[in-house]
Amino acid sequence: MENKNLVFGHGIPMGFGMALAQNAKAMDYFSSLSEDQRKSIIDGVQNVRSKQEMREYVNNMMNNNFTG
């Protein structure tokens, strides 16, 4: 069954993809990560419950020096 909440079927939740699209630096950072690091960040998105939380999650993603 197709999950319509994923961006282009690439495993990126729509809300996360939308928040990334609004923050070019965060999108560049996310794109530079390894596949495992990106998966860990996407897994963390599952705990986000609102648009504001998602924006904060994306904005803080780089500040947390994510290492996977």
PDB file of N, CA and C in Angstrom:
ATOM      1  N   MET A   1       0.838  -1.187   0.000  1.00  0.00           N
ATOM      2  CA  MET A   1       0.000   0.000   0.000  1.00  0.00           C
ATOM      3  C   MET A   1       0.880   1.246   0.000  1.00  0.00           C
ATOM      4  N   GLU A   2       0.550   2.203  -0.805  1.00  0.00           N
ATOM      5  CA  GLU A   2       1.319   3.428  -0.942  1.00  0.00           C
ATOM      6  C   GLU A   2       1.062   4.354   0.241  1.00  0.00           C
ATOM      7  N   ASN A   3       2.131   4.918   0.803  1.00  0.00           N
ATOM      8  CA  ASN A   3       1.997   5.874   1.897  1.00  0.00           C
ATOM      9  C   ASN A   3       2.036   7.275   1.316  1.00  0.00           C
ATOM     10  N   LYS A   4       0.909   7.960   1.318  1.00  0.00           N
ATOM     11  CA  LYS A   4       0.807   9.277   0.712  1.00  0.00           C
ATOM     12  C   LYS A   4       1.410  10.372   1.580  1.00  0.00           C
ATOM     13  N   ASN A   5       1.895  10.034   2.786  1.00  0.00           N
ATOM     14  CA  ASN A   5       2.529  11.014   3.652  1.00  0.00           C
ATOM     15  C   ASN A   5       4.035  11.086   3.435  1.00  0.00           C
ATOM     16  N   LEU A   6       4.543  10.373   2.431  1.00  0.00           N
ATOM     17  CA  LEU A   6       5.967  10.404   2.131  1.00  0.00           C
ATOM     18  C   LEU A   6       6.204  11.240   0.884  1.00  0.00           C
ATOM     19  N   VAL A   7       7.283  12.009   0.880  1.00  0.00           N
ATOM     20  CA  VAL A   7       7.611  12.866  -0.245  1.00  0.00           C
ATOM     21  C   VAL A   7       8.214  12.026  -1.364  1.00  0.00           C
ATOM     22  N   PHE A   8       7.557  12.009  -2.499  1.00  0.00           N
ATOM     23  CA  PHE A   8       8.032  11.326  -3.695  1.00  0.00           C
ATOM     24  C   PHE A   8       8.424   9.873  -3.437  1.00  0.00           C
ATOM     25  N   GLY A   9       7.865   9.260  -2.420  1.00  0.00           N
ATOM     26  CA  GLY A   9       8.146   7.866  -2.134  1.00  0.00           C
ATOM     27  C   GLY A   9       9.561   7.582  -1.657  1.00  0.00           C
ATOM     28  N   HIS A  10      10.287   8.616  -1.239  1.00  0.00           N
ATOM     29  CA  HIS A  10      11.680   8.445  -0.825  1.00  0.00           C
ATOM     30  C   HIS A  10      11.837   8.260   0.678  1.00  0.00           C
ATOM     31  N   GLY A  11      10.763   8.011   1.390  1.00  0.00           N
ATOM     32  CA  GLY A  11      10.869   7.786   2.821  1.00  0.00           C
ATOM     33  C   GLY A  11      10.964   9.049   3.643  1.00  0.00           C
ATOM     34  N   ILE A  12      10.791  10.203   3.026  1.00  0.00           N
ATOM     35  CA  ILE A  12      10.827  11.464   3.760  1.00  0.00           C
ATOM     36  C   ILE A  12       9.392  11.873   4.071  1.00  0.00           C
ATOM     37  N   PRO A  13       9.038  11.938   5.361  1.00  0.00           N
ATOM     38  CA  PRO A  13       7.678  12.353   5.716  1.00  0.00           C
ATOM     39  C   PRO A  13       7.367  13.736   5.135  1.00  0.00           C
ATOM     40  N   MET A  14       6.153  13.918   4.670  1.00  0.00           N
ATOM     41  CA  MET A  14       5.771  15.140   3.988  1.00  0.00           C
ATOM     42  C   MET A  14       6.030  16.385   4.833  1.00  0.00           C
ATOM     43  N   GLY A  15       5.638  16.363   6.098  1.00  0.00           N
ATOM     44  CA  GLY A  15       5.842  17.531   6.959  1.00  0.00           C
ATOM     45  C   GLY A  15       7.308  17.883   7.107  1.00  0.00           C
ATOM     46  N   PHE A  16       8.151  16.863   7.206  1.00  0.00           N
ATOM     47  CA  PHE A  16       9.589  17.082   7.309  1.00  0.00           C
ATOM     48  C   PHE A  16      10.123  17.657   6.003  1.00  0.00           C
ATOM     49  N   GLY A  17       9.683  17.111   4.888  1.00  0.00           N
ATOM     50  CA  GLY A  17      10.101  17.613   3.583  1.00  0.00           C
ATOM     51  C   GLY A  17       9.688  19.058   3.373  1.00  0.00           C
ATOM     52  N   MET A  18       8.491  19.405   3.812  1.00  0.00           N
ATOM     53  CA  MET A  18       8.011  20.783   3.686  1.00  0.00           C
ATOM     54  C   MET A  18       8.854  21.717   4.547  1.00  0.00           C
ATOM     55  N   ALA A  19       9.157  21.297   5.773  1.00  0.00           N
ATOM     56  CA  ALA A  19       9.976  22.119   6.665  1.00  0.00           C
ATOM     57  C   ALA A  19      11.392  22.277   6.105  1.00  0.00           C
ATOM     58  N   LEU A  20      11.944  21.217   5.536  1.00  0.00           N
ATOM     59  CA  LEU A  20      13.270  21.309   4.913  1.00  0.00           C
ATOM     60  C   LEU A  20      13.246  22.286   3.743  1.00  0.00           C
ATOM     61  N   ALA A  21      12.187  22.239   2.952  1.00  0.00           N
ATOM     62  CA  ALA A  21      12.074  23.109   1.783  1.00  0.00           C
ATOM     63  C   ALA A  21      12.051  24.582   2.173  1.00  0.00           C
ATOM     64  N   GLN A  22      11.652  24.873   3.405  1.00  0.00           N
ATOM     65  CA  GLN A  22      11.586  26.255   3.883  1.00  0.00           C
ATOM     66  C   GLN A  22      12.888  26.702   4.546  1.00  0.00           C
ATOM     67  N   ASN A  23      13.872  25.824   4.630  1.00  0.00           N
ATOM     68  CA  ASN A  23      15.139  26.143   5.281  1.00  0.00           C
ATOM     69  C   ASN A  23      16.274  25.584   4.414  1.00  0.00           C
ATOM     70  N   ALA A  24      16.795  26.428   3.536  1.00  0.00           N
ATOM     71  CA  ALA A  24      17.802  25.978   2.568  1.00  0.00           C
ATOM     72  C   ALA A  24      19.057  25.433   3.246  1.00  0.00           C
ATOM     73  N   LYS A  25      19.495  26.066   4.332  1.00  0.00           N
ATOM     74  CA  LYS A  25      20.695  25.586   5.027  1.00  0.00           C
ATOM     75  C   LYS A  25      20.464  24.196   5.603  1.00  0.00           C
ATOM     76  N   ALA A  26      19.287  23.988   6.185  1.00  0.00           N
ATOM     77  CA  ALA A  26      18.966  22.677   6.756  1.00  0.00           C
ATOM     78  C   ALA A  26      18.873  21.630   5.651  1.00  0.00           C
ATOM     79  N   MET A  27      18.310  22.011   4.504  1.00  0.00           N
ATOM     80  CA  MET A  27      18.204  21.059   3.398  1.00  0.00           C
ATOM     81  C   MET A  27      19.590  20.670   2.894  1.00  0.00           C
ATOM     82  N   ASP A  28      20.479  21.656   2.760  1.00  0.00           N
ATOM     83  CA  ASP A  28      21.847  21.359   2.331  1.00  0.00           C
ATOM     84  C   ASP A  28      22.539  20.451   3.340  1.00  0.00           C
ATOM     85  N   TYR A  29      22.352  20.754   4.626  1.00  0.00           N
ATOM     86  CA  TYR A  29      22.956  19.940   5.683  1.00  0.00           C
ATOM     87  C   TYR A  29      22.440  18.507   5.616  1.00  0.00           C
ATOM     88  N   PHE A  30      21.121  18.360   5.550  1.00  0.00           N
ATOM     89  CA  PHE A  30      20.506  17.037   5.502  1.00  0.00           C
ATOM     90  C   PHE A  30      21.013  16.255   4.290  1.00  0.00           C
ATOM     91  N   SER A  31      21.116  16.930   3.159  1.00  0.00           N
ATOM     92  CA  SER A  31      21.581  16.276   1.928  1.00  0.00           C
ATOM     93  C   SER A  31      23.028  15.814   2.030  1.00  0.00           C
ATOM     94  N   SER A  32      23.814  16.485   2.871  1.00  0.00           N
ATOM     95  CA  SER A  32      25.233  16.138   2.996  1.00  0.00           C
ATOM     96  C   SER A  32      25.478  14.947   3.921  1.00  0.00           C
ATOM     97  N   LEU A  33      24.454  14.534   4.662  1.00  0.00           N
ATOM     98  CA  LEU A  33      24.608  13.441   5.622  1.00  0.00           C
ATOM     99  C   LEU A  33      24.629  12.085   4.927  1.00  0.00           C
ATOM    100  N   SER A  34      25.176  11.113   5.620  1.00  0.00           N
ATOM    101  CA  SER A  34      25.155   9.744   5.101  1.00  0.00           C
ATOM    102  C   SER A  34      23.723   9.217   5.152  1.00  0.00           C
ATOM    103  N   GLU A  35      23.473   8.150   4.445  1.00  0.00           N
ATOM    104  CA  GLU A  35      22.135   7.552   4.444  1.00  0.00           C
ATOM    105  C   GLU A  35      21.708   7.148   5.857  1.00  0.00           C
ATOM    106  N   ASP A  36      22.622   6.586   6.635  1.00  0.00           N
ATOM    107  CA  ASP A  36      22.291   6.179   8.007  1.00  0.00           C
ATOM    108  C   ASP A  36      21.956   7.382   8.880  1.00  0.00           C
ATOM    109  N   GLN A  37      22.692   8.477   8.720  1.00  0.00           N
ATOM    110  CA  GLN A  37      22.413   9.686   9.491  1.00  0.00           C
ATOM    111  C   GLN A  37      21.051  10.262   9.110  1.00  0.00           C
ATOM    112  N   ARG A  38      20.760  10.293   7.807  1.00  0.00           N
ATOM    113  CA  ARG A  38      19.450  10.794   7.364  1.00  0.00           C
ATOM    114  C   ARG A  38      18.329   9.922   7.919  1.00  0.00           C
ATOM    115  N   LYS A  39      18.522   8.610   7.914  1.00  0.00           N
ATOM    116  CA  LYS A  39      17.501   7.707   8.438  1.00  0.00           C
ATOM    117  C   LYS A  39      17.264   7.963   9.923  1.00  0.00           C
ATOM    118  N   SER A  40      18.323   8.200  10.678  1.00  0.00           N
ATOM    119  CA  SER A  40      18.170   8.476  12.109  1.00  0.00           C
ATOM    120  C   SER A  40      17.390   9.761  12.344  1.00  0.00           C
ATOM    121  N   ILE A  41      17.663  10.782  11.541  1.00  0.00           N
ATOM    122  CA  ILE A  41      16.925  12.038  11.670  1.00  0.00           C
ATOM    123  C   ILE A  41      15.462  11.818  11.311  1.00  0.00           C
ATOM    124  N   ILE A  42      15.204  11.098  10.236  1.00  0.00           N
ATOM    125  CA  ILE A  42      13.825  10.814   9.828  1.00  0.00           C
ATOM    126  C   ILE A  42      13.107  10.008  10.903  1.00  0.00           C
ATOM    127  N   ASP A  43      13.804   9.064  11.524  1.00  0.00           N
ATOM    128  CA  ASP A  43      13.190   8.291  12.610  1.00  0.00           C
ATOM    129  C   ASP A  43      12.767   9.206  13.754  1.00  0.00           C
ATOM    130  N   GLY A  44      13.555  10.242  14.038  1.00  0.00           N
ATOM    131  CA  GLY A  44      13.223  11.189  15.096  1.00  0.00           C
ATOM    132  C   GLY A  44      11.995  12.023  14.791  1.00  0.00           C
ATOM    133  N   VAL A  45      11.685  12.178  13.519  1.00  0.00           N
ATOM    134  CA  VAL A  45      10.520  12.957  13.096  1.00  0.00           C
ATOM    135  C   VAL A  45       9.220  12.319  13.595  1.00  0.00           C
ATOM    136  N   GLN A  46       9.243  11.026  13.819  1.00  0.00           N
ATOM    137  CA  GLN A  46       8.029  10.317  14.239  1.00  0.00           C
ATOM    138  C   GLN A  46       7.467  10.852  15.552  1.00  0.00           C
ATOM    139  N   ASN A  47       8.304  11.524  16.354  1.00  0.00           N
ATOM    140  CA  ASN A  47       7.858  12.068  17.639  1.00  0.00           C
ATOM    141  C   ASN A  47       7.335  13.492  17.538  1.00  0.00           C
ATOM    142  N   VAL A  48       7.418  14.101  16.370  1.00  0.00           N
ATOM    143  CA  VAL A  48       6.982  15.477  16.172  1.00  0.00           C
ATOM    144  C   VAL A  48       5.473  15.500  15.964  1.00  0.00           C
ATOM    145  N   ARG A  49       4.797  16.397  16.668  1.00  0.00           N
ATOM    146  CA  ARG A  49       3.331  16.402  16.656  1.00  0.00           C
ATOM    147  C   ARG A  49       2.678  17.645  16.058  1.00  0.00           C
ATOM    148  N   SER A  50       3.461  18.660  15.685  1.00  0.00           N
ATOM    149  CA  SER A  50       2.846  19.868  15.128  1.00  0.00           C
ATOM    150  C   SER A  50       3.782  20.512  14.108  1.00  0.00           C
ATOM    151  N   LYS A  51       3.238  21.444  13.325  1.00  0.00           N
ATOM    152  CA  LYS A  51       4.056  22.161  12.346  1.00  0.00           C
ATOM    153  C   LYS A  51       5.162  22.944  13.037  1.00  0.00           C
ATOM    154  N   GLN A  52       4.822  23.586  14.159  1.00  0.00           N
ATOM    155  CA  GLN A  52       5.818  24.367  14.891  1.00  0.00           C
ATOM    156  C   GLN A  52       6.938  23.466  15.407  1.00  0.00           C
ATOM    157  N   GLU A  53       6.582  22.322  15.965  1.00  0.00           N
ATOM    158  CA  GLU A  53       7.604  21.372  16.427  1.00  0.00           C
ATOM    159  C   GLU A  53       8.484  20.921  15.267  1.00  0.00           C
ATOM    160  N   MET A  54       7.884  20.715  14.099  1.00  0.00           N
ATOM    161  CA  MET A  54       8.652  20.272  12.938  1.00  0.00           C
ATOM    162  C   MET A  54       9.630  21.358  12.515  1.00  0.00           C
ATOM    163  N   ARG A  55       9.173  22.615  12.496  1.00  0.00           N
ATOM    164  CA  ARG A  55      10.073  23.717  12.150  1.00  0.00           C
ATOM    165  C   ARG A  55      11.241  23.774  13.131  1.00  0.00           C
ATOM    166  N   GLU A  56      10.932  23.631  14.423  1.00  0.00           N
ATOM    167  CA  GLU A  56      11.977  23.655  15.447  1.00  0.00           C
ATOM    168  C   GLU A  56      12.931  22.479  15.274  1.00  0.00           C
ATOM    169  N   TYR A  57      12.393  21.311  14.976  1.00  0.00           N
ATOM    170  CA  TYR A  57      13.214  20.109  14.761  1.00  0.00           C
ATOM    171  C   TYR A  57      14.204  20.349  13.621  1.00  0.00           C
ATOM    172  N   VAL A  58      13.708  20.883  12.519  1.00  0.00           N
ATOM    173  CA  VAL A  58      14.557  21.145  11.355  1.00  0.00           C
ATOM    174  C   VAL A  58      15.567  22.248  11.667  1.00  0.00           C
ATOM    175  N   ASN A  59      15.118  23.327  12.326  1.00  0.00           N
ATOM    176  CA  ASN A  59      16.027  24.419  12.654  1.00  0.00           C
ATOM    177  C   ASN A  59      17.128  23.973  13.610  1.00  0.00           C
ATOM    178  N   ASN A  60      16.802  23.064  14.516  1.00  0.00           N
ATOM    179  CA  ASN A  60      17.776  22.594  15.504  1.00  0.00           C
ATOM    180  C   ASN A  60      18.640  21.448  14.994  1.00  0.00           C
ATOM    181  N   MET A  61      18.268  20.864  13.892  1.00  0.00           N
ATOM    182  CA  MET A  61      18.964  19.694  13.356  1.00  0.00           C
ATOM    183  C   MET A  61      20.465  19.964  13.210  1.00  0.00           C
ATOM    184  N   MET A  62      20.832  21.104  12.672  1.00  0.00           N
ATOM    185  CA  MET A  62      22.242  21.426  12.461  1.00  0.00           C
ATOM    186  C   MET A  62      22.929  21.797  13.769  1.00  0.00           C
ATOM    187  N   ASN A  63      22.209  22.453  14.671  1.00  0.00           N
ATOM    188  CA  ASN A  63      22.785  22.897  15.938  1.00  0.00           C
ATOM    189  C   ASN A  63      23.132  21.741  16.851  1.00  0.00           C
ATOM    190  N   ASN A  64      22.487  20.605  16.640  1.00  0.00           N
ATOM    191  CA  ASN A  64      22.720  19.448  17.501  1.00  0.00           C
ATOM    192  C   ASN A  64      23.930  18.646  17.066  1.00  0.00           C
ATOM    193  N   ASN A  65      24.665  19.140  16.047  1.00  0.00           N
ATOM    194  CA  ASN A  65      25.865  18.444  15.561  1.00  0.00           C
ATOM    195  C   ASN A  65      25.608  16.961  15.392  1.00  0.00           C
ATOM    196  N   PHE A  66      24.584  16.641  14.634  1.00  0.00           N
ATOM    197  CA  PHE A  66      24.162  15.254  14.455  1.00  0.00           C
ATOM    198  C   PHE A  66      25.311  14.406  13.937  1.00  0.00           C
ATOM    199  N   THR A  67      25.548  13.291  14.620  1.00  0.00           N
ATOM    200  CA  THR A  67      26.609  12.383  14.186  1.00  0.00           C
ATOM    201  C   THR A  67      26.096  10.981  13.931  1.00  0.00           C
ATOM    202  N   GLY A  68      24.814  10.751  14.149  1.00  0.00           N
ATOM    203  CA  GLY A  68      24.230   9.454  13.853  1.00  0.00           C
ATOM    204  C   GLY A  68      24.274   8.475  14.975  1.00  0.00           C
TER     205      GLY A  68
END
